[in-house]
Amino acid sequence: ALPLARTPEAVRAGIGTIMREVGDRSRYRQAQVEARIAALRLDTQLMPETLLGAQGTAAARRANQQYAQLLNYSLSIKRASQLDASRRLQALVGEGPDARALMTEFARNLARESEEDAALMSNRRATIEKTQRVYDLVDAQRQRIDLNDDGNLVFADAQAGEQYNRMIADIAQLILQRQQIEIQRQARTQAALDEIGKIRR
């Protein structure tokens, strides 16, 4: 922890140091997680060539399980970083009206971020679950599916085909929702930084 800051300049410098050090560690660990997620090639999980064969869906199921574990690990990294930043900030600013205002704003921002994290995790879990249901369907229809001239899956059972199309549409909607949450997060983060900047002045 940094020593107690005695001047506004020391507070500003200390906050910059804390956010840089905590952020650098967190980004390094998160980059490792993201590299492992990228290696899973999740973008191929719903491609027709993956769904056509039993080996493809089996491998995709395993990738989904690893993805879920990596998401939990990523969240644990974030929680540890938030706790570290909070502890170090409190030691830096100490007590007093300005310190309480800064820590209150920091805590408020963390609460909002936690809500976003929960929404994103719920979205990703729903996406994983829906994708698993697609695998269940194509595995059950294994001998009754093929590719059309456009390279899309065709089901001999029309009802199964309709179910497949609905699930693919649901997954697309979940992805859209996730993108919207990310956009809202960026706007909220910038607003929070602006507010903390006002307190620091």
Protein backbone atom coordinates (compact mmCIF):
# COMPACT_ATOMS: atom_id res chain seq x y z
CA ALA A 1 0.00 0.00 0.00
CA LEU A 2 1.08 3.55 -0.69
CA PRO A 3 1.58 5.91 2.26
CA LEU A 4 -1.22 8.24 3.28
CA ALA A 5 -1.48 11.14 0.81
CA ARG A 6 -1.23 14.57 2.45
CA THR A 7 -2.00 16.78 -0.55
CA PRO A 8 -4.41 16.70 -3.53
CA GLU A 9 -1.42 16.22 -5.80
CA ALA A 10 -0.33 13.18 -3.82
CA VAL A 11 -3.87 11.79 -4.01
CA ARG A 12 -3.95 12.20 -7.77
CA ALA A 13 -0.52 10.64 -8.20
CA GLY A 14 -1.39 7.78 -5.84
CA ILE A 15 -4.65 6.98 -7.60
CA GLY A 16 -2.80 6.90 -10.91
CA THR A 17 -0.19 4.55 -9.48
CA ILE A 18 -2.76 2.23 -7.92
CA MET A 19 -4.94 2.02 -11.01
CA ARG A 20 -1.91 1.45 -13.22
CA GLU A 21 -0.37 -1.26 -11.05
CA VAL A 22 -3.62 -3.07 -10.26
CA GLY A 23 -4.82 -2.65 -13.84
CA ASP A 24 -1.58 -3.94 -15.34
CA ARG A 25 -1.67 -7.10 -13.22
CA SER A 26 -5.34 -7.68 -13.98
CA ARG A 27 -4.92 -7.06 -17.70
CA TYR A 28 -1.97 -9.47 -17.85
CA ARG A 29 -3.96 -12.24 -16.19
CA GLN A 30 -7.07 -11.51 -18.22
CA ALA A 31 -5.01 -11.59 -21.42
CA GLN A 32 -3.90 -15.11 -20.51
CA VAL A 33 -7.52 -16.13 -20.00
CA GLU A 34 -8.58 -14.51 -23.28
CA ALA A 35 -5.80 -16.35 -25.11
CA ARG A 36 -7.07 -19.66 -23.73
CA ILE A 37 -10.62 -18.75 -24.72
CA ALA A 38 -9.47 -17.81 -28.22
CA ALA A 39 -7.78 -21.20 -28.52
CA LEU A 40 -11.18 -22.85 -28.04
CA ARG A 41 -12.32 -21.37 -31.37
CA LEU A 42 -15.82 -20.72 -30.15
CA ASP A 43 -16.67 -18.99 -33.43
CA THR A 44 -16.75 -22.42 -35.12
CA GLN A 45 -19.11 -24.05 -32.62
CA LEU A 46 -22.29 -23.51 -34.62
CA MET A 47 -20.85 -23.85 -38.10
CA PRO A 48 -22.63 -26.53 -40.19
CA GLU A 49 -19.43 -28.57 -40.58
CA THR A 50 -19.14 -28.74 -36.79
CA LEU A 51 -22.76 -29.74 -36.30
CA LEU A 52 -22.84 -32.37 -39.03
CA GLY A 53 -20.54 -34.85 -37.28
CA ALA A 54 -20.69 -36.47 -33.84
CA GLN A 55 -17.00 -35.77 -33.31
CA GLY A 56 -17.58 -32.09 -34.03
CA THR A 57 -20.33 -31.67 -31.47
CA ALA A 58 -18.45 -33.73 -28.88
CA ALA A 59 -15.40 -31.48 -29.24
CA ALA A 60 -17.61 -28.38 -29.11
CA ARG A 61 -19.25 -29.61 -25.90
CA ARG A 62 -15.83 -29.99 -24.28
CA ALA A 63 -14.87 -26.51 -25.45
CA ASN A 64 -18.05 -25.11 -23.92
CA GLN A 65 -17.23 -26.70 -20.57
CA GLN A 66 -13.74 -25.20 -20.63
CA TYR A 67 -15.21 -21.85 -21.65
CA ALA A 68 -17.54 -21.84 -18.63
CA GLN A 69 -14.60 -22.60 -16.32
CA LEU A 70 -12.51 -19.83 -17.86
CA LEU A 71 -15.35 -17.34 -17.45
CA ASN A 72 -15.51 -18.14 -13.73
CA TYR A 73 -11.74 -17.78 -13.45
CA SER A 74 -11.84 -14.44 -15.26
CA LEU A 75 -14.48 -13.18 -12.84
CA SER A 76 -12.39 -14.27 -9.84
CA ILE A 77 -9.41 -12.32 -11.22
CA LYS A 78 -11.58 -9.24 -11.52
CA ARG A 79 -12.95 -9.56 -7.98
CA ALA A 80 -9.43 -9.90 -6.55
CA SER A 81 -8.29 -6.80 -8.47
CA GLN A 82 -11.26 -4.77 -7.23
CA LEU A 83 -10.57 -5.77 -3.62
CA ASP A 84 -6.90 -4.89 -4.00
CA ALA A 85 -7.69 -1.49 -5.53
CA SER A 86 -10.25 -0.69 -2.83
CA ARG A 87 -7.84 -1.60 -0.01
CA ARG A 88 -5.01 0.44 -1.49
CA LEU A 89 -7.23 3.45 -2.21
CA GLN A 90 -8.53 3.50 1.35
CA ALA A 91 -4.99 3.43 2.71
CA LEU A 92 -4.01 6.23 0.31
CA VAL A 93 -6.83 8.68 1.04
CA GLY A 94 -7.39 7.90 4.72
CA GLU A 95 -10.36 9.58 6.41
CA GLY A 96 -12.13 12.89 5.94
CA PRO A 97 -14.98 14.24 3.80
CA ASP A 98 -13.07 14.13 0.49
CA ALA A 99 -11.80 10.63 1.20
CA ARG A 100 -15.28 9.39 2.06
CA ALA A 101 -16.71 10.98 -1.09
CA LEU A 102 -14.07 9.33 -3.24
CA MET A 103 -14.52 5.90 -1.64
CA THR A 104 -18.31 6.23 -1.87
CA GLU A 105 -18.06 6.95 -5.58
CA PHE A 106 -15.60 4.09 -6.01
CA ALA A 107 -17.95 1.69 -4.17
CA ARG A 108 -20.93 2.92 -6.20
CA ASN A 109 -19.00 2.28 -9.40
CA LEU A 110 -18.02 -1.21 -8.24
CA ALA A 111 -21.65 -1.99 -7.46
CA ARG A 112 -22.70 -0.97 -10.97
CA GLU A 113 -19.83 -2.95 -12.44
CA SER A 114 -20.88 -6.00 -10.44
CA GLU A 115 -24.40 -5.68 -11.83
CA GLU A 116 -22.96 -5.58 -15.35
CA ASP A 117 -20.74 -8.57 -14.59
CA ALA A 118 -23.75 -10.51 -13.35
CA ALA A 119 -25.74 -9.62 -16.47
CA LEU A 120 -22.87 -10.61 -18.74
CA MET A 121 -22.30 -13.88 -16.89
CA SER A 122 -26.01 -14.70 -17.04
CA ASN A 123 -26.00 -13.93 -20.76
CA ARG A 124 -22.95 -16.09 -21.44
CA ARG A 125 -24.33 -19.00 -19.42
CA ALA A 126 -27.62 -18.76 -21.30
CA THR A 127 -25.68 -18.77 -24.56
CA ILE A 128 -23.72 -21.85 -23.50
CA GLU A 129 -26.91 -23.62 -22.42
CA LYS A 130 -28.70 -22.74 -25.66
CA THR A 131 -25.70 -23.92 -27.69
CA GLN A 132 -25.70 -27.22 -25.78
CA ARG A 133 -29.36 -27.64 -26.72
CA VAL A 134 -28.43 -27.17 -30.37
CA TYR A 135 -25.93 -30.02 -29.97
CA ASP A 136 -28.60 -32.17 -28.32
CA LEU A 137 -30.90 -31.56 -31.26
CA VAL A 138 -28.41 -32.28 -34.04
CA ASP A 139 -27.08 -35.34 -32.21
CA ALA A 140 -30.63 -36.69 -31.95
CA GLN A 141 -31.25 -35.93 -35.65
CA ARG A 142 -27.82 -37.12 -36.77
CA GLN A 143 -29.06 -39.42 -39.53
CA ARG A 144 -31.68 -36.95 -40.75
CA ILE A 145 -29.69 -33.79 -41.41
CA ASP A 146 -27.67 -32.68 -44.39
CA LEU A 147 -26.34 -29.56 -46.11
CA ASN A 148 -28.19 -27.72 -48.84
CA ASP A 149 -26.53 -26.04 -51.81
CA ASP A 150 -26.02 -22.87 -49.73
CA GLY A 151 -24.09 -24.79 -47.07
CA ASN A 152 -26.86 -24.56 -44.47
CA LEU A 153 -28.22 -27.40 -42.37
CA VAL A 154 -31.38 -29.07 -43.65
CA PHE A 155 -33.52 -31.26 -41.40
CA ALA A 156 -35.69 -34.08 -42.77
CA ASP A 157 -38.01 -33.40 -39.81
CA ALA A 158 -39.56 -29.98 -40.45
CA GLN A 159 -40.38 -29.52 -36.75
CA ALA A 160 -36.76 -30.17 -35.78
CA GLY A 161 -35.68 -27.66 -38.43
CA GLU A 162 -37.97 -25.01 -36.99
CA GLN A 163 -36.67 -25.71 -33.48
CA TYR A 164 -33.09 -25.38 -34.74
CA ASN A 165 -33.82 -22.05 -36.42
CA ARG A 166 -35.49 -20.69 -33.27
CA MET A 167 -32.48 -21.61 -31.12
CA ILE A 168 -30.03 -20.06 -33.57
CA ALA A 169 -32.13 -16.87 -33.54
CA ASP A 170 -32.17 -16.93 -29.72
CA ILE A 171 -28.39 -17.21 -29.63
CA ALA A 172 -28.05 -14.29 -32.05
CA GLN A 173 -30.30 -12.23 -29.77
CA LEU A 174 -28.20 -13.12 -26.73
CA ILE A 175 -25.07 -11.98 -28.56
CA LEU A 176 -26.76 -8.69 -29.41
CA GLN A 177 -27.78 -8.19 -25.78
CA ARG A 178 -24.21 -8.85 -24.68
CA GLN A 179 -22.91 -6.21 -27.08
CA GLN A 180 -25.41 -3.70 -25.71
CA ILE A 181 -24.28 -4.38 -22.14
CA GLU A 182 -20.67 -3.80 -23.19
CA ILE A 183 -21.58 -0.47 -24.81
CA GLN A 184 -23.44 0.62 -21.66
CA ARG A 185 -20.45 -0.41 -19.56
CA GLN A 186 -18.07 1.74 -21.57
CA ALA A 187 -20.32 4.77 -21.16
CA ARG A 188 -20.74 4.14 -17.43
CA THR A 189 -17.00 3.68 -16.91
CA GLN A 190 -16.22 6.99 -18.60
CA ALA A 191 -18.88 8.78 -16.55
CA ALA A 192 -17.45 7.28 -13.34
CA LEU A 193 -13.93 8.38 -14.23
CA ASP A 194 -15.21 11.89 -14.90
CA GLU A 195 -16.97 11.96 -11.52
CA ILE A 196 -13.89 10.75 -9.64
CA GLY A 197 -11.87 13.36 -11.49
CA LYS A 198 -14.16 16.07 -10.12
CA ILE A 199 -13.74 14.79 -6.56
CA ARG A 200 -9.96 14.69 -6.94
CA ARG A 201 -9.93 18.40 -7.93
